[in-house]
Amino acid sequence: MDPSEVIGSLSIRAGDGLVVAMRSGFCFLDLKTGDVTPIVDPESHLPENRFNDGRCDRQGRFWAGTLHDVDAAQPVAALYRLDETLGYTRVVGNIRIANSLCRSPDGRTMYFGDSPERVIWAWDYDTETGDIANRRVFTEIPQEHGYPDGATVDEEGHVWVAHWDGSRLTRFNPEGNVERVAMLPVQRPTCPMFA
């Protein structure tokens, strides 16, 4: 693998290895050999963009969003869905830094944020087709609390968000209200995870 590549996100494949999203697009990564097999680069026309946050849905579709690696003020990034047929769809556009991608426990609500905008949206999610609808603001992050970065959902349907430059994790209830804040001894947490 090219050491200059930045892996923004990855997911374990059902067969073997990983599917990864990085500067050169969606790829398969063989963990035994380190070989990278390109799938598709939906932003080959944007060489300063790279993939960032991403994850699979429960049906095996890999979702990942991009960012402009030089100037995050440019809303030229997007959120993509890589389907099991290896075709892709540009689902959300005009993003600056894609982050906070996660889904409700029943899979019927998708959350996704744009870090510089300090907003996380919610959509209705069709688990059969992978289509989203009914975009709405889930929550907005106050400037003094940093930027929304990675997020995950707990078994009760609460959304946990890491705050880049905010030294905290916030647990939001399904209505988008703050339920709990955990202050951290680090300035830039990137994503909460449950084990």
N, C-alpha and C. Protein backbone atom coordinates (compact mmCIF):
# COMPACT_ATOMS: atom_id res chain seq x y z
N MET A 1 0.84 -1.18 0.00
CA MET A 1 0.00 0.00 0.00
C MET A 1 0.88 1.24 0.00
N ASP A 2 0.47 2.26 -0.74
CA ASP A 2 1.20 3.52 -0.82
C ASP A 2 1.14 4.21 0.54
N PRO A 3 2.30 4.44 1.20
CA PRO A 3 2.28 5.06 2.53
C PRO A 3 1.76 6.50 2.52
N SER A 4 1.66 7.12 1.34
CA SER A 4 1.14 8.49 1.30
C SER A 4 -0.39 8.51 1.35
N GLU A 5 -1.01 7.35 1.17
CA GLU A 5 -2.47 7.27 1.23
C GLU A 5 -2.95 7.44 2.67
N VAL A 6 -4.06 8.13 2.82
CA VAL A 6 -4.69 8.28 4.13
C VAL A 6 -5.99 7.51 4.09
N ILE A 7 -6.13 6.52 4.98
CA ILE A 7 -7.38 5.80 5.08
C ILE A 7 -8.31 6.60 5.97
N GLY A 8 -9.43 7.05 5.40
CA GLY A 8 -10.40 7.83 6.17
C GLY A 8 -11.31 6.94 6.98
N SER A 9 -11.70 5.80 6.40
CA SER A 9 -12.59 4.88 7.08
C SER A 9 -12.46 3.51 6.44
N LEU A 10 -12.95 2.50 7.17
CA LEU A 10 -12.84 1.13 6.69
C LEU A 10 -13.94 0.29 7.30
N SER A 11 -14.13 -0.88 6.70
CA SER A 11 -15.06 -1.86 7.26
C SER A 11 -14.57 -3.25 6.88
N ILE A 12 -14.82 -4.20 7.75
CA ILE A 12 -14.43 -5.58 7.51
C ILE A 12 -15.35 -6.18 6.45
N ARG A 13 -14.76 -6.88 5.49
CA ARG A 13 -15.53 -7.54 4.45
C ARG A 13 -16.01 -8.90 4.94
N ALA A 14 -17.14 -9.35 4.41
CA ALA A 14 -17.70 -10.64 4.80
C ALA A 14 -16.76 -11.77 4.42
N GLY A 15 -16.09 -11.66 3.27
CA GLY A 15 -15.18 -12.71 2.84
C GLY A 15 -13.85 -12.61 3.55
N ASP A 16 -13.05 -11.63 3.18
CA ASP A 16 -11.73 -11.49 3.76
C ASP A 16 -11.24 -10.07 3.47
N GLY A 17 -10.46 -9.53 4.36
CA GLY A 17 -9.88 -8.21 4.15
C GLY A 17 -10.84 -7.10 4.52
N LEU A 18 -10.55 -5.93 3.97
CA LEU A 18 -11.30 -4.71 4.31
C LEU A 18 -11.76 -4.00 3.04
N VAL A 19 -12.82 -3.22 3.18
CA VAL A 19 -13.14 -2.21 2.18
C VAL A 19 -12.73 -0.90 2.84
N VAL A 20 -11.97 -0.08 2.11
CA VAL A 20 -11.46 1.17 2.68
C VAL A 20 -11.85 2.34 1.79
N ALA A 21 -11.95 3.50 2.41
CA ALA A 21 -12.19 4.75 1.69
C ALA A 21 -11.00 5.65 1.98
N MET A 22 -10.31 6.09 0.92
CA MET A 22 -9.11 6.89 1.11
C MET A 22 -8.97 7.90 -0.03
N ARG A 23 -7.84 8.54 -0.14
CA ARG A 23 -7.67 9.58 -1.15
C ARG A 23 -7.98 9.06 -2.55
N SER A 24 -7.57 7.85 -2.85
CA SER A 24 -7.77 7.31 -4.19
C SER A 24 -9.13 6.63 -4.37
N GLY A 25 -10.05 6.82 -3.44
CA GLY A 25 -11.40 6.31 -3.58
C GLY A 25 -11.67 5.07 -2.76
N PHE A 26 -12.69 4.33 -3.18
CA PHE A 26 -13.04 3.07 -2.53
C PHE A 26 -12.10 1.98 -3.05
N CYS A 27 -11.59 1.16 -2.12
CA CYS A 27 -10.66 0.09 -2.49
C CYS A 27 -10.88 -1.11 -1.57
N PHE A 28 -10.39 -2.27 -2.01
CA PHE A 28 -10.27 -3.43 -1.15
C PHE A 28 -8.84 -3.49 -0.66
N LEU A 29 -8.66 -3.85 0.60
CA LEU A 29 -7.33 -4.00 1.19
C LEU A 29 -7.17 -5.42 1.69
N ASP A 30 -6.17 -6.11 1.18
CA ASP A 30 -5.86 -7.47 1.60
C ASP A 30 -4.94 -7.36 2.82
N LEU A 31 -5.41 -7.84 3.95
CA LEU A 31 -4.64 -7.72 5.20
C LEU A 31 -3.42 -8.62 5.22
N LYS A 32 -3.42 -9.69 4.45
CA LYS A 32 -2.27 -10.60 4.45
C LYS A 32 -1.12 -10.06 3.62
N THR A 33 -1.44 -9.47 2.48
CA THR A 33 -0.38 -9.01 1.57
C THR A 33 -0.18 -7.51 1.57
N GLY A 34 -1.19 -6.76 2.05
CA GLY A 34 -1.13 -5.30 1.98
C GLY A 34 -1.53 -4.77 0.62
N ASP A 35 -1.92 -5.65 -0.29
CA ASP A 35 -2.32 -5.22 -1.63
C ASP A 35 -3.63 -4.43 -1.59
N VAL A 36 -3.66 -3.38 -2.39
CA VAL A 36 -4.85 -2.54 -2.51
C VAL A 36 -5.41 -2.72 -3.92
N THR A 37 -6.71 -3.03 -3.99
CA THR A 37 -7.38 -3.19 -5.27
C THR A 37 -8.40 -2.07 -5.42
N PRO A 38 -8.21 -1.14 -6.35
CA PRO A 38 -9.17 -0.04 -6.53
C PRO A 38 -10.54 -0.56 -6.95
N ILE A 39 -11.58 0.09 -6.41
CA ILE A 39 -12.96 -0.20 -6.82
C ILE A 39 -13.45 0.94 -7.70
N VAL A 40 -13.51 2.15 -7.12
CA VAL A 40 -13.96 3.32 -7.87
C VAL A 40 -13.51 4.57 -7.11
N ASP A 41 -13.19 5.61 -7.85
CA ASP A 41 -12.86 6.91 -7.26
C ASP A 41 -13.89 7.92 -7.72
N PRO A 42 -14.94 8.15 -6.93
CA PRO A 42 -15.99 9.05 -7.36
C PRO A 42 -15.58 10.52 -7.42
N GLU A 43 -14.42 10.86 -6.86
CA GLU A 43 -13.97 12.25 -6.88
C GLU A 43 -12.60 12.37 -7.55
N SER A 44 -12.38 11.60 -8.58
CA SER A 44 -11.10 11.68 -9.31
C SER A 44 -10.90 13.06 -9.92
N HIS A 45 -11.99 13.78 -10.15
CA HIS A 45 -11.92 15.14 -10.69
C HIS A 45 -11.60 16.17 -9.62
N LEU A 46 -11.52 15.74 -8.35
CA LEU A 46 -11.21 16.63 -7.23
C LEU A 46 -9.97 16.09 -6.50
N PRO A 47 -8.78 16.29 -7.05
CA PRO A 47 -7.57 15.65 -6.51
C PRO A 47 -7.19 16.11 -5.11
N GLU A 48 -7.73 17.23 -4.63
CA GLU A 48 -7.41 17.67 -3.27
C GLU A 48 -8.42 17.15 -2.25
N ASN A 49 -9.40 16.38 -2.70
CA ASN A 49 -10.35 15.76 -1.79
C ASN A 49 -9.85 14.39 -1.38
N ARG A 50 -10.27 13.95 -0.20
CA ARG A 50 -10.01 12.59 0.25
C ARG A 50 -11.20 12.13 1.09
N PHE A 51 -11.31 10.83 1.25
CA PHE A 51 -12.39 10.29 2.08
C PHE A 51 -12.07 10.48 3.55
N ASN A 52 -13.14 10.59 4.34
CA ASN A 52 -13.03 10.76 5.79
C ASN A 52 -13.91 9.72 6.47
N ASP A 53 -14.90 10.15 7.19
CA ASP A 53 -15.75 9.28 8.00
C ASP A 53 -16.57 8.33 7.15
N GLY A 54 -16.76 7.10 7.63
CA GLY A 54 -17.58 6.14 6.91
C GLY A 54 -17.84 4.90 7.72
N ARG A 55 -18.84 4.13 7.29
CA ARG A 55 -19.17 2.84 7.92
C ARG A 55 -20.22 2.11 7.11
N CYS A 56 -20.35 0.84 7.40
CA CYS A 56 -21.36 0.02 6.71
C CYS A 56 -22.72 0.14 7.40
N ASP A 57 -23.77 -0.02 6.58
CA ASP A 57 -25.09 -0.20 7.18
C ASP A 57 -25.28 -1.69 7.44
N ARG A 58 -26.38 -2.07 8.04
CA ARG A 58 -26.60 -3.47 8.40
C ARG A 58 -26.84 -4.36 7.18
N GLN A 59 -27.08 -3.76 6.03
CA GLN A 59 -27.31 -4.52 4.82
C GLN A 59 -26.03 -4.71 4.00
N GLY A 60 -24.92 -4.16 4.48
CA GLY A 60 -23.63 -4.35 3.82
C GLY A 60 -23.23 -3.25 2.86
N ARG A 61 -24.01 -2.18 2.77
CA ARG A 61 -23.62 -1.04 1.93
C ARG A 61 -22.61 -0.20 2.72
N PHE A 62 -21.53 0.22 2.05
CA PHE A 62 -20.50 1.02 2.71
C PHE A 62 -20.72 2.49 2.37
N TRP A 63 -20.88 3.30 3.39
CA TRP A 63 -21.11 4.73 3.25
C TRP A 63 -19.86 5.47 3.69
N ALA A 64 -19.45 6.48 2.93
CA ALA A 64 -18.29 7.29 3.33
C ALA A 64 -18.40 8.67 2.71
N GLY A 65 -17.92 9.65 3.47
CA GLY A 65 -17.95 11.03 3.01
C GLY A 65 -16.55 11.59 2.86
N THR A 66 -16.45 12.70 2.16
CA THR A 66 -15.15 13.27 1.82
C THR A 66 -14.94 14.64 2.49
N LEU A 67 -13.76 15.17 2.26
CA LEU A 67 -13.41 16.53 2.69
C LEU A 67 -12.36 17.07 1.72
N HIS A 68 -12.26 18.40 1.65
CA HIS A 68 -11.20 19.04 0.89
C HIS A 68 -10.00 19.13 1.81
N ASP A 69 -8.90 18.52 1.43
CA ASP A 69 -7.75 18.37 2.31
C ASP A 69 -6.92 19.63 2.46
N VAL A 70 -7.18 20.66 1.66
CA VAL A 70 -6.38 21.88 1.71
C VAL A 70 -7.19 23.04 2.31
N ASP A 71 -8.43 23.17 1.90
CA ASP A 71 -9.25 24.31 2.32
C ASP A 71 -10.66 23.83 2.69
N ALA A 72 -10.87 23.61 3.98
CA ALA A 72 -12.16 23.09 4.45
C ALA A 72 -13.30 24.09 4.30
N ALA A 73 -12.99 25.30 3.87
CA ALA A 73 -14.06 26.28 3.65
C ALA A 73 -14.82 26.00 2.35
N GLN A 74 -14.25 25.16 1.49
CA GLN A 74 -14.89 24.88 0.21
C GLN A 74 -15.90 23.75 0.36
N PRO A 75 -17.17 23.99 0.06
CA PRO A 75 -18.19 22.93 0.17
C PRO A 75 -18.22 22.04 -1.06
N VAL A 76 -17.12 21.34 -1.30
CA VAL A 76 -17.01 20.50 -2.50
C VAL A 76 -16.99 19.01 -2.16
N ALA A 77 -17.21 18.67 -0.90
CA ALA A 77 -17.21 17.27 -0.48
C ALA A 77 -18.63 16.70 -0.56
N ALA A 78 -18.71 15.38 -0.35
CA ALA A 78 -20.01 14.72 -0.48
C ALA A 78 -20.02 13.43 0.33
N LEU A 79 -21.21 12.86 0.44
CA LEU A 79 -21.41 11.55 1.06
C LEU A 79 -21.80 10.57 -0.04
N TYR A 80 -21.13 9.40 -0.04
CA TYR A 80 -21.35 8.38 -1.07
C TYR A 80 -21.79 7.07 -0.43
N ARG A 81 -22.52 6.29 -1.23
CA ARG A 81 -22.92 4.94 -0.84
C ARG A 81 -22.34 3.97 -1.86
N LEU A 82 -21.53 3.02 -1.38
CA LEU A 82 -21.00 1.96 -2.23
C LEU A 82 -21.88 0.73 -2.01
N ASP A 83 -22.55 0.29 -3.07
CA ASP A 83 -23.47 -0.83 -2.96
C ASP A 83 -22.76 -2.16 -3.12
N GLU A 84 -23.48 -3.24 -2.80
CA GLU A 84 -22.89 -4.58 -2.88
C GLU A 84 -22.48 -4.97 -4.30
N THR A 85 -23.05 -4.30 -5.31
CA THR A 85 -22.66 -4.53 -6.70
C THR A 85 -21.41 -3.74 -7.08
N LEU A 86 -20.89 -2.95 -6.14
CA LEU A 86 -19.73 -2.07 -6.29
C LEU A 86 -20.05 -0.83 -7.13
N GLY A 87 -21.32 -0.58 -7.36
CA GLY A 87 -21.73 0.70 -7.92
C GLY A 87 -21.83 1.71 -6.79
N TYR A 88 -21.73 2.99 -7.11
CA TYR A 88 -21.81 4.00 -6.05
C TYR A 88 -22.84 5.07 -6.41
N THR A 89 -23.31 5.76 -5.35
CA THR A 89 -24.26 6.85 -5.49
C THR A 89 -23.78 8.03 -4.67
N ARG A 90 -23.78 9.21 -5.26
CA ARG A 90 -23.52 10.45 -4.50
C ARG A 90 -24.84 10.82 -3.85
N VAL A 91 -24.89 10.75 -2.52
CA VAL A 91 -26.16 10.87 -1.80
C VAL A 91 -26.39 12.28 -1.27
N VAL A 92 -25.35 12.90 -0.73
CA VAL A 92 -25.45 14.25 -0.19
C VAL A 92 -24.27 15.05 -0.71
N GLY A 93 -24.51 16.25 -1.22
CA GLY A 93 -23.44 17.08 -1.74
C GLY A 93 -23.29 18.38 -0.97
N ASN A 94 -22.37 19.22 -1.42
CA ASN A 94 -22.11 20.54 -0.83
C ASN A 94 -21.74 20.46 0.65
N ILE A 95 -20.90 19.49 0.97
CA ILE A 95 -20.41 19.27 2.33
C ILE A 95 -19.00 19.82 2.41
N ARG A 96 -18.60 20.25 3.61
CA ARG A 96 -17.21 20.70 3.81
C ARG A 96 -16.35 19.61 4.42
N ILE A 97 -16.78 19.03 5.55
CA ILE A 97 -16.07 17.89 6.15
C ILE A 97 -17.11 16.89 6.63
N ALA A 98 -17.17 15.74 5.97
CA ALA A 98 -18.13 14.70 6.30
C ALA A 98 -17.76 14.02 7.61
N ASN A 99 -18.74 13.93 8.52
CA ASN A 99 -18.51 13.31 9.82
C ASN A 99 -19.83 12.86 10.45
N SER A 100 -19.70 12.23 11.62
CA SER A 100 -20.84 11.87 12.48
C SER A 100 -21.82 10.91 11.82
N LEU A 101 -21.34 10.01 10.99
CA LEU A 101 -22.21 9.05 10.29
C LEU A 101 -22.54 7.88 11.20
N CYS A 102 -23.83 7.67 11.46
CA CYS A 102 -24.28 6.53 12.26
C CYS A 102 -25.78 6.33 12.03
N ARG A 103 -26.31 5.24 12.59
CA ARG A 103 -27.72 4.92 12.39
C ARG A 103 -28.37 4.49 13.70
N SER A 104 -29.67 4.68 13.77
CA SER A 104 -30.44 4.26 14.94
C SER A 104 -30.43 2.74 15.07
N PRO A 105 -30.74 2.20 16.25
CA PRO A 105 -30.72 0.75 16.44
C PRO A 105 -31.62 -0.01 15.47
N ASP A 106 -32.76 0.56 15.09
CA ASP A 106 -33.64 -0.13 14.13
C ASP A 106 -33.23 0.11 12.69
N GLY A 107 -32.20 0.94 12.48
CA GLY A 107 -31.69 1.20 11.14
C GLY A 107 -32.52 2.17 10.32
N ARG A 108 -33.59 2.72 10.89
CA ARG A 108 -34.51 3.55 10.09
C ARG A 108 -34.22 5.05 10.16
N THR A 109 -33.21 5.44 10.95
CA THR A 109 -32.78 6.84 10.98
C THR A 109 -31.28 6.88 10.76
N MET A 110 -30.84 7.72 9.83
CA MET A 110 -29.42 7.91 9.58
C MET A 110 -29.04 9.31 10.05
N TYR A 111 -27.89 9.40 10.71
CA TYR A 111 -27.33 10.67 11.16
C TYR A 111 -26.06 10.96 10.38
N PHE A 112 -25.84 12.22 10.06
CA PHE A 112 -24.66 12.61 9.30
C PHE A 112 -24.43 14.09 9.52
N GLY A 113 -23.15 14.49 9.67
CA GLY A 113 -22.86 15.88 9.97
C GLY A 113 -21.79 16.49 9.07
N ASP A 114 -21.76 17.82 9.10
CA ASP A 114 -20.74 18.61 8.42
C ASP A 114 -20.02 19.38 9.52
N SER A 115 -18.79 18.97 9.82
CA SER A 115 -18.08 19.52 10.99
C SER A 115 -17.99 21.04 11.02
N PRO A 116 -17.50 21.72 9.95
CA PRO A 116 -17.38 23.17 10.03
C PRO A 116 -18.72 23.89 10.20
N GLU A 117 -19.78 23.27 9.75
CA GLU A 117 -21.12 23.86 9.92
C GLU A 117 -21.65 23.65 11.33
N ARG A 118 -20.99 22.75 12.09
CA ARG A 118 -21.39 22.40 13.46
C ARG A 118 -22.84 21.91 13.52
N VAL A 119 -23.22 21.12 12.52
CA VAL A 119 -24.58 20.60 12.48
C VAL A 119 -24.55 19.10 12.17
N ILE A 120 -25.48 18.38 12.79
CA ILE A 120 -25.73 16.98 12.48
C ILE A 120 -27.19 16.89 12.05
N TRP A 121 -27.40 16.25 10.90
CA TRP A 121 -28.76 16.07 10.39
C TRP A 121 -29.22 14.65 10.66
N ALA A 122 -30.53 14.46 10.56
CA ALA A 122 -31.13 13.12 10.60
C ALA A 122 -31.96 12.96 9.34
N TRP A 123 -32.00 11.73 8.82
CA TRP A 123 -32.83 11.39 7.66
C TRP A 123 -33.60 10.12 7.98
N ASP A 124 -34.75 9.96 7.37
CA ASP A 124 -35.40 8.66 7.35
C ASP A 124 -34.58 7.77 6.42
N TYR A 125 -34.38 6.52 6.83
CA TYR A 125 -33.52 5.61 6.07
C TYR A 125 -34.30 4.38 5.66
N ASP A 126 -34.32 4.11 4.36
CA ASP A 126 -34.98 2.92 3.82
C ASP A 126 -33.96 1.79 3.83
N THR A 127 -34.13 0.84 4.72
CA THR A 127 -33.14 -0.23 4.87
C THR A 127 -33.09 -1.15 3.65
N GLU A 128 -34.18 -1.24 2.89
CA GLU A 128 -34.19 -2.11 1.71
C GLU A 128 -33.43 -1.51 0.54
N THR A 129 -33.60 -0.21 0.32
CA THR A 129 -33.00 0.43 -0.86
C THR A 129 -31.75 1.23 -0.55
N GLY A 130 -31.57 1.65 0.71
CA GLY A 130 -30.47 2.54 1.06
C GLY A 130 -30.76 4.00 0.75
N ASP A 131 -32.01 4.30 0.41
CA ASP A 131 -32.38 5.68 0.12
C ASP A 131 -32.66 6.45 1.41
N ILE A 132 -32.39 7.76 1.38
CA ILE A 132 -32.67 8.62 2.52
C ILE A 132 -33.68 9.68 2.11
N ALA A 133 -34.44 10.18 3.10
CA ALA A 133 -35.47 11.19 2.83
C ALA A 133 -35.72 11.99 4.11
N ASN A 134 -36.40 13.11 3.95
CA ASN A 134 -36.85 13.92 5.08
C ASN A 134 -35.68 14.44 5.93
N ARG A 135 -34.74 15.13 5.28
CA ARG A 135 -33.60 15.71 6.00
C ARG A 135 -34.08 16.76 6.98
N ARG A 136 -33.54 16.69 8.19
CA ARG A 136 -33.87 17.66 9.24
C ARG A 136 -32.67 17.83 10.16
N VAL A 137 -32.60 18.97 10.84
CA VAL A 137 -31.50 19.21 11.79
C VAL A 137 -31.76 18.36 13.02
N PHE A 138 -30.80 17.52 13.34
CA PHE A 138 -30.87 16.72 14.56
C PHE A 138 -30.35 17.54 15.74
N THR A 139 -29.16 18.13 15.58
CA THR A 139 -28.61 18.99 16.62
C THR A 139 -27.57 19.92 16.04
N GLU A 140 -27.33 21.03 16.71
CA GLU A 140 -26.27 21.97 16.35
C GLU A 140 -25.32 22.09 17.53
N ILE A 141 -24.04 22.16 17.25
CA ILE A 141 -23.00 22.20 18.28
C ILE A 141 -22.57 23.65 18.51
N PRO A 142 -22.66 24.15 19.74
CA PRO A 142 -22.20 25.52 20.02
C PRO A 142 -20.71 25.68 19.70
N GLN A 143 -20.32 26.84 19.25
CA GLN A 143 -18.94 27.10 18.85
C GLN A 143 -17.95 26.77 19.95
N GLU A 144 -18.30 27.09 21.19
CA GLU A 144 -17.38 26.86 22.30
C GLU A 144 -17.22 25.37 22.64
N HIS A 145 -18.01 24.51 22.02
CA HIS A 145 -17.92 23.06 22.27
C HIS A 145 -17.18 22.32 21.16
N GLY A 146 -16.54 23.05 20.25
CA GLY A 146 -15.77 22.42 19.19
C GLY A 146 -16.62 22.00 18.01
N TYR A 147 -16.15 20.98 17.31
CA TYR A 147 -16.79 20.52 16.07
C TYR A 147 -17.28 19.08 16.23
N PRO A 148 -18.42 18.74 15.64
CA PRO A 148 -18.84 17.34 15.69
C PRO A 148 -17.91 16.50 14.81
N ASP A 149 -17.39 15.43 15.39
CA ASP A 149 -16.52 14.53 14.65
C ASP A 149 -17.25 13.19 14.55
N GLY A 150 -16.59 12.10 14.89
CA GLY A 150 -17.23 10.80 14.78
C GLY A 150 -18.37 10.63 15.76
N ALA A 151 -19.29 9.73 15.42
CA ALA A 151 -20.45 9.49 16.28
C ALA A 151 -20.83 8.02 16.23
N THR A 152 -21.54 7.59 17.24
CA THR A 152 -22.10 6.24 17.27
C THR A 152 -23.39 6.27 18.07
N VAL A 153 -24.19 5.24 17.94
CA VAL A 153 -25.48 5.16 18.62
C VAL A 153 -25.45 4.00 19.60
N ASP A 154 -25.96 4.22 20.82
CA ASP A 154 -26.00 3.13 21.80
C ASP A 154 -27.29 2.33 21.66
N GLU A 155 -27.43 1.28 22.46
CA GLU A 155 -28.58 0.38 22.33
C GLU A 155 -29.90 1.05 22.68
N GLU A 156 -29.86 2.18 23.37
CA GLU A 156 -31.08 2.91 23.71
C GLU A 156 -31.44 3.95 22.65
N GLY A 157 -30.64 4.03 21.59
CA GLY A 157 -30.93 4.98 20.52
C GLY A 157 -30.38 6.37 20.75
N HIS A 158 -29.52 6.54 21.75
CA HIS A 158 -28.89 7.82 22.00
C HIS A 158 -27.64 7.95 21.13
N VAL A 159 -27.41 9.15 20.61
CA VAL A 159 -26.28 9.41 19.71
C VAL A 159 -25.14 10.03 20.52
N TRP A 160 -23.98 9.36 20.49
CA TRP A 160 -22.78 9.85 21.16
C TRP A 160 -21.90 10.52 20.12
N VAL A 161 -21.50 11.76 20.38
CA VAL A 161 -20.69 12.53 19.43
C VAL A 161 -19.38 12.96 20.09
N ALA A 162 -18.27 12.74 19.40
CA ALA A 162 -16.97 13.25 19.84
C ALA A 162 -16.82 14.68 19.32
N HIS A 163 -16.30 15.57 20.17
CA HIS A 163 -16.14 16.98 19.82
C HIS A 163 -14.66 17.29 19.58
N TRP A 164 -14.28 17.43 18.31
CA TRP A 164 -12.93 17.86 17.93
C TRP A 164 -12.74 19.28 18.43
N ASP A 165 -11.66 19.54 19.14
CA ASP A 165 -11.39 20.83 19.78
C ASP A 165 -12.42 21.16 20.86
N GLY A 166 -13.09 20.15 21.37
CA GLY A 166 -14.09 20.38 22.41
C GLY A 166 -13.88 19.58 23.68
N SER A 167 -12.91 18.67 23.68
CA SER A 167 -12.54 17.89 24.86
C SER A 167 -13.71 17.19 25.53
N ARG A 168 -14.63 16.68 24.72
CA ARG A 168 -15.82 16.07 25.32
C ARG A 168 -16.49 15.07 24.38
N LEU A 169 -17.32 14.24 25.00
CA LEU A 169 -18.30 13.42 24.29
C LEU A 169 -19.66 13.89 24.78
N THR A 170 -20.61 13.99 23.87
CA THR A 170 -21.97 14.35 24.25
C THR A 170 -22.90 13.24 23.84
N ARG A 171 -23.81 12.88 24.74
CA ARG A 171 -24.85 11.91 24.44
C ARG A 171 -26.15 12.68 24.21
N PHE A 172 -26.68 12.56 22.98
CA PHE A 172 -27.93 13.21 22.62
C PHE A 172 -29.05 12.18 22.62
N ASN A 173 -30.22 12.55 23.14
CA ASN A 173 -31.35 11.63 23.05
C ASN A 173 -31.88 11.61 21.62
N PRO A 174 -32.79 10.70 21.27
CA PRO A 174 -33.26 10.60 19.88
C PRO A 174 -33.94 11.86 19.35
N GLU A 175 -34.29 12.78 20.22
CA GLU A 175 -34.87 14.06 19.78
C GLU A 175 -33.81 15.12 19.54
N GLY A 176 -32.54 14.79 19.83
CA GLY A 176 -31.44 15.72 19.58
C GLY A 176 -31.09 16.62 20.75
N ASN A 177 -31.63 16.32 21.92
CA ASN A 177 -31.34 17.12 23.12
C ASN A 177 -30.19 16.49 23.89
N VAL A 178 -29.37 17.34 24.53
CA VAL A 178 -28.23 16.86 25.31
C VAL A 178 -28.76 16.08 26.51
N GLU A 179 -28.30 14.84 26.64
CA GLU A 179 -28.68 13.99 27.76
C GLU A 179 -27.55 13.88 28.76
N ARG A 180 -26.29 13.93 28.25
CA ARG A 180 -25.13 13.78 29.11
C ARG A 180 -23.89 14.31 28.40
N VAL A 181 -22.95 14.85 29.18
CA VAL A 181 -21.66 15.30 28.64
C VAL A 181 -20.56 14.64 29.45
N ALA A 182 -19.59 14.06 28.77
CA ALA A 182 -18.42 13.48 29.42
C ALA A 182 -17.20 14.29 28.99
N MET A 183 -16.65 15.06 29.93
CA MET A 183 -15.45 15.83 29.63
C MET A 183 -14.24 14.87 29.59
N LEU A 184 -13.31 15.17 28.67
CA LEU A 184 -12.17 14.28 28.44
C LEU A 184 -10.86 15.02 28.65
N PRO A 185 -9.78 14.29 28.97
CA PRO A 185 -8.47 14.92 29.17
C PRO A 185 -7.72 15.13 27.85
N VAL A 186 -8.40 15.02 26.72
CA VAL A 186 -7.80 15.25 25.41
C VAL A 186 -8.62 16.29 24.67
N GLN A 187 -7.98 17.09 23.86
CA GLN A 187 -8.65 18.19 23.16
C GLN A 187 -9.42 17.72 21.94
N ARG A 188 -8.92 16.68 21.27
CA ARG A 188 -9.48 16.31 19.98
C ARG A 188 -9.89 14.84 19.89
N PRO A 189 -10.89 14.42 20.65
CA PRO A 189 -11.38 13.05 20.47
C PRO A 189 -12.02 12.93 19.08
N THR A 190 -11.90 11.75 18.48
CA THR A 190 -12.37 11.61 17.12
C THR A 190 -13.62 10.75 16.96
N CYS A 191 -13.81 9.71 17.77
CA CYS A 191 -15.01 8.90 17.60
C CYS A 191 -15.21 8.02 18.82
N PRO A 192 -16.41 8.02 19.41
CA PRO A 192 -16.67 7.10 20.51
C PRO A 192 -16.92 5.70 19.96
N MET A 193 -16.62 4.70 20.78
CA MET A 193 -16.77 3.30 20.39
C MET A 193 -17.17 2.50 21.61
N PHE A 194 -18.06 1.56 21.42
CA PHE A 194 -18.44 0.67 22.52
C PHE A 194 -17.83 -0.69 22.28
N ALA A 195 -17.38 -1.35 23.38
CA ALA A 195 -16.78 -2.67 23.25
C ALA A 195 -17.42 -3.59 24.27
